[in-house]
Amino acid sequence: MIVFSERKTVEQVEEGTELAPKFDARGLIPVVTTDYDSGELLMHAYMNEEALKKTIELGEAVYWSRSRKVLWHKGATSGLVQIVRELRIDDDQDTVWLRVDVQGGASCHVGYRSCFYRTVPLGEEAAKGIALTFTEHEKVFDPKEVYGDAPNPTQI
């Protein structure tokens, strides 16, 4: 059974070897997930204490779905499992970084490889109007084939 250390001192948290994650007031910790080999940013999500423990135990990404309020074992429905090759925690232990191998080649429920598939114009380009530009033009999978008529996991 995984037990996180109690946060006692700044030195313990920032310079020690004990895992003492800091969850926010809602019991969540932000997670950034990147491709292990390329470093490409795949997604941003959250974990609660149980999700972080399950991720450590399984070696596969498990998140907390804020919209559905349930544990979300990435790929359980789609088969697009994220195998965790490395789990890092930042200096004050309030952010997690997962470096993963993605089974099936995609991490985004919309069908793209990365959830960050559009850019926002900056500077003079933005002054002309904010029109997002796609950086990915082909989906890795068709969400309707994978999820059917299930509700969108990121309800608006």
Protein backbone atom coordinates (compact mmCIF):
# COMPACT_ATOMS: atom_id res chain seq x y z
CA MET A 1 0.00 0.00 0.00
CA ILE A 2 1.33 3.42 -0.96
CA VAL A 3 1.39 6.03 1.78
CA PHE A 4 2.41 9.61 1.10
CA SER A 5 4.52 11.41 3.68
CA GLU A 6 3.10 14.22 5.76
CA ARG A 7 4.36 17.64 4.69
CA LYS A 8 6.44 18.92 7.60
CA THR A 9 9.10 21.37 6.45
CA VAL A 10 10.12 23.24 3.31
CA GLU A 11 13.45 21.41 3.39
CA GLN A 12 11.73 18.02 3.55
CA VAL A 13 9.44 18.88 0.62
CA GLU A 14 12.00 20.64 -1.59
CA GLU A 15 15.24 18.83 -0.77
CA GLY A 16 14.18 15.52 0.75
CA THR A 17 13.46 12.07 -0.64
CA GLU A 18 9.94 11.70 0.76
CA LEU A 19 6.95 11.92 -1.57
CA ALA A 20 4.62 14.43 0.12
CA PRO A 21 2.35 15.76 -2.64
CA LYS A 22 0.34 18.91 -2.07
CA PHE A 23 -3.23 18.57 -3.26
CA ASP A 24 -5.33 21.72 -3.64
CA ALA A 25 -8.47 22.60 -1.66
CA ARG A 26 -10.49 20.25 -3.93
CA GLY A 27 -8.03 17.42 -3.29
CA LEU A 28 -6.46 17.67 -6.75
CA ILE A 29 -2.97 18.03 -8.17
CA PRO A 30 -2.33 19.16 -11.78
CA VAL A 31 -0.61 16.76 -14.17
CA VAL A 32 1.17 17.47 -17.45
CA THR A 33 1.72 14.48 -19.69
CA THR A 34 4.35 14.30 -22.43
CA ASP A 35 5.53 11.68 -24.88
CA TYR A 36 8.53 9.88 -23.38
CA ASP A 37 10.62 9.85 -26.56
CA SER A 38 9.75 13.12 -28.29
CA GLY A 39 8.86 15.32 -25.31
CA GLU A 40 5.67 16.40 -27.11
CA LEU A 41 3.05 17.78 -24.75
CA LEU A 42 0.08 15.42 -24.94
CA MET A 43 -2.33 16.60 -22.29
CA HIS A 44 -3.03 18.32 -18.99
CA ALA A 45 -5.28 16.75 -16.38
CA TYR A 46 -5.68 16.34 -12.63
CA MET A 47 -5.19 13.54 -10.12
CA ASN A 48 -6.62 13.08 -6.69
CA GLU A 49 -4.76 11.06 -4.06
CA GLU A 50 -6.27 7.77 -5.24
CA ALA A 51 -5.43 8.44 -8.90
CA LEU A 52 -1.80 9.25 -8.05
CA LYS A 53 -1.49 6.09 -5.97
CA LYS A 54 -3.08 3.96 -8.74
CA THR A 55 -0.74 5.50 -11.33
CA ILE A 56 2.25 4.58 -9.17
CA GLU A 57 0.90 1.05 -8.54
CA LEU A 58 -0.12 0.27 -12.13
CA GLY A 59 2.56 2.13 -14.08
CA GLU A 60 -0.30 3.41 -16.25
CA ALA A 61 -1.86 6.88 -16.15
CA VAL A 62 -4.92 7.23 -13.96
CA TYR A 63 -6.50 10.68 -13.66
CA TRP A 64 -9.46 12.25 -11.87
CA SER A 65 -12.24 13.43 -14.17
CA ARG A 66 -13.47 16.74 -12.79
CA SER A 67 -16.54 16.75 -15.05
CA ARG A 68 -17.60 13.16 -14.31
CA LYS A 69 -16.18 13.05 -10.77
CA VAL A 70 -14.70 9.56 -11.22
CA LEU A 71 -11.29 7.96 -11.57
CA TRP A 72 -10.28 7.87 -15.22
CA HIS A 73 -7.87 5.08 -16.20
CA LYS A 74 -6.62 6.54 -19.47
CA GLY A 75 -7.34 4.12 -22.29
CA ALA A 76 -9.72 1.84 -20.38
CA THR A 77 -12.43 2.55 -22.98
CA SER A 78 -10.41 3.56 -26.02
CA GLY A 79 -7.41 1.25 -25.67
CA LEU A 80 -5.14 4.32 -25.81
CA VAL A 81 -3.40 3.44 -22.55
CA GLN A 82 -0.58 5.66 -21.36
CA ILE A 83 2.29 3.53 -20.06
CA VAL A 84 4.19 5.66 -17.54
CA ARG A 85 7.92 5.49 -18.18
CA GLU A 86 8.74 8.22 -15.68
CA LEU A 87 6.79 10.14 -13.06
CA ARG A 88 8.28 13.40 -11.82
CA ILE A 89 7.09 15.82 -9.17
CA ASP A 90 8.07 19.50 -9.09
CA ASP A 91 10.10 21.23 -6.39
CA ASP A 92 7.25 22.00 -4.01
CA GLN A 93 5.45 18.77 -4.90
CA ASP A 94 2.26 20.38 -6.18
CA THR A 95 2.51 19.39 -9.86
CA VAL A 96 3.06 16.00 -11.49
CA TRP A 97 4.80 15.39 -14.82
CA LEU A 98 4.17 12.05 -16.54
CA ARG A 99 6.44 10.91 -19.37
CA VAL A 100 4.53 8.18 -21.19
CA ASP A 101 4.42 5.79 -24.12
CA VAL A 102 0.97 6.04 -25.69
CA GLN A 103 -0.55 2.79 -26.86
CA GLY A 104 -2.46 3.46 -30.09
CA GLY A 105 -0.75 6.78 -30.79
CA ALA A 106 -3.30 9.26 -29.41
CA SER A 107 -4.06 10.91 -26.08
CA CYS A 108 -6.91 13.25 -27.00
CA HIS A 109 -10.53 12.12 -26.77
CA VAL A 110 -11.22 14.25 -29.88
CA GLY A 111 -9.06 11.84 -31.89
CA TYR A 112 -5.85 13.83 -32.26
CA ARG A 113 -2.48 12.66 -30.94
CA SER A 114 -2.19 15.59 -28.51
CA CYS A 115 -4.85 17.61 -26.74
CA PHE A 116 -2.84 20.68 -27.78
CA TYR A 117 -3.67 20.55 -31.50
CA ARG A 118 -4.30 24.27 -32.10
CA THR A 119 -2.25 27.43 -31.75
CA VAL A 120 -3.42 30.88 -30.69
CA PRO A 121 -2.12 33.89 -32.65
CA LEU A 122 0.13 36.35 -30.85
CA GLY A 123 1.10 39.98 -31.30
CA GLU A 124 0.21 41.54 -34.67
CA GLU A 125 -1.51 38.35 -35.81
CA ALA A 126 -3.79 38.46 -32.77
CA ALA A 127 -4.71 42.07 -33.52
CA LYS A 128 -6.34 40.79 -36.73
CA GLY A 129 -8.59 38.53 -34.67
CA ILE A 130 -8.26 35.38 -32.65
CA ALA A 131 -8.56 32.48 -35.07
CA LEU A 132 -7.10 29.21 -33.88
CA THR A 133 -4.78 27.37 -36.27
CA PHE A 134 -4.69 23.57 -36.34
CA THR A 135 -1.26 21.97 -35.89
CA GLU A 136 -2.65 18.47 -36.47
CA HIS A 137 -4.78 17.82 -39.52
CA GLU A 138 -5.54 14.11 -39.29
CA LYS A 139 -7.11 12.31 -36.39
CA VAL A 140 -5.51 9.11 -35.12
CA PHE A 141 -8.95 7.61 -34.47
CA ASP A 142 -12.64 8.42 -34.94
CA PRO A 143 -14.14 9.23 -31.52
CA LYS A 144 -17.62 8.08 -32.61
CA GLU A 145 -16.25 4.62 -33.45
CA VAL A 146 -14.43 4.39 -30.12
CA TYR A 147 -16.89 6.05 -27.74
CA GLY A 148 -20.16 5.73 -29.65
CA ASP A 149 -22.78 8.16 -28.47
CA ALA A 150 -21.26 8.49 -25.01
CA PRO A 151 -21.32 12.04 -23.68
CA ASN A 152 -18.25 14.14 -24.27
CA PRO A 153 -15.98 13.72 -21.22
CA THR A 154 -15.33 17.46 -21.15
CA GLN A 155 -18.93 18.63 -20.90
CA ILE A 156 -19.22 22.31 -21.73
